[in-house]
Protein backbone atom coordinates (compact mmCIF):
# COMPACT_ATOMS: atom_id res chain seq x y z
CA MET A 1 14.39 -64.21 -65.43
CA ALA A 2 12.86 -64.25 -69.08
CA THR A 3 9.77 -64.72 -67.80
CA VAL A 4 10.04 -62.12 -65.99
CA LEU A 5 11.78 -59.48 -69.05
CA ASP A 6 8.56 -60.88 -71.00
CA MET A 7 11.63 -62.51 -73.61
CA SER A 8 12.81 -65.76 -74.57
CA LEU A 9 15.36 -67.58 -74.02
CA ASP A 10 17.19 -67.30 -77.06
CA GLU A 11 16.55 -63.50 -76.37
CA LEU A 12 18.23 -63.34 -73.31
CA VAL A 13 21.55 -65.56 -73.58
CA TYR A 14 21.81 -64.21 -77.39
CA GLY A 15 20.43 -61.35 -77.70
CA GLN A 16 17.72 -60.26 -80.11
CA GLN A 17 18.41 -61.07 -84.11
CA ASN A 18 19.01 -57.22 -84.71
CA GLU A 19 21.02 -56.85 -82.27
CA LYS A 20 23.31 -59.68 -82.80
CA ALA A 21 23.43 -58.30 -86.82
CA ARG A 22 24.10 -55.14 -85.56
CA LEU A 23 27.36 -56.17 -83.31
CA HIS A 24 28.54 -57.77 -86.78
CA LEU A 25 27.98 -55.32 -89.35
CA ALA A 26 29.21 -52.18 -88.60
CA ASP A 27 28.21 -49.82 -92.04
CA ASN A 28 24.68 -49.26 -90.91
CA GLU A 29 23.62 -48.66 -94.69
CA LEU A 30 24.79 -52.74 -94.94
CA LEU A 31 22.44 -53.44 -91.85
CA SER A 32 19.84 -50.87 -93.00
CA LEU A 33 20.07 -52.40 -96.13
CA PHE A 34 19.51 -56.25 -94.85
CA ASN A 35 16.51 -54.85 -92.64
CA LYS A 36 14.05 -54.28 -95.33
CA THR A 37 15.49 -56.48 -97.48
CA GLN A 38 14.13 -59.30 -94.80
CA GLN A 39 10.34 -57.99 -96.01
CA LEU A 40 10.81 -58.94 -99.03
CA PRO A 41 8.94 -61.70 -100.74
CA ASP A 42 11.39 -64.93 -100.41
CA ASP A 43 11.91 -65.49 -103.95
CA GLN A 44 13.29 -62.19 -103.25
CA LYS A 45 15.21 -62.69 -100.89
CA LYS A 46 16.79 -65.66 -102.68
CA THR A 47 17.41 -62.93 -105.54
CA VAL A 48 19.76 -61.04 -103.07
CA VAL A 49 21.46 -63.97 -101.74
CA ASP A 50 22.38 -65.12 -104.98
CA LEU A 51 23.99 -61.38 -105.77
CA LEU A 52 24.97 -61.22 -103.09
CA SER A 53 26.59 -64.91 -103.62
CA ALA A 54 28.01 -64.13 -107.41
CA PHE A 55 29.82 -60.96 -106.32
CA LEU A 56 31.72 -62.47 -103.17
CA LEU A 57 32.67 -65.36 -105.59
CA LYS A 58 33.48 -63.26 -108.63
CA SER A 59 36.12 -61.15 -105.21
CA ASN A 60 36.72 -63.90 -104.13
CA LEU A 61 38.20 -64.85 -107.24
CA LYS A 62 39.51 -61.49 -108.65
CA GLN A 63 41.92 -61.85 -105.18
CA GLN A 64 43.15 -65.50 -105.67
CA LEU A 65 44.52 -64.37 -109.19
CA SER A 66 46.10 -61.41 -107.83
């Protein structure tokens, strides 16, 4: 079936990456920003990941202290 539809078996079973992200991200602005981030060089992508990780860690720590 995947061959007939000209797609990989993974795409057929799990959907395309964008569709999977779209199902999990309700915020279109975040989805758009993440899509744009994928086009950045690897070192800049790592910076974005580091910034998000630090922000989420700080947010979690604040919640635990409250």
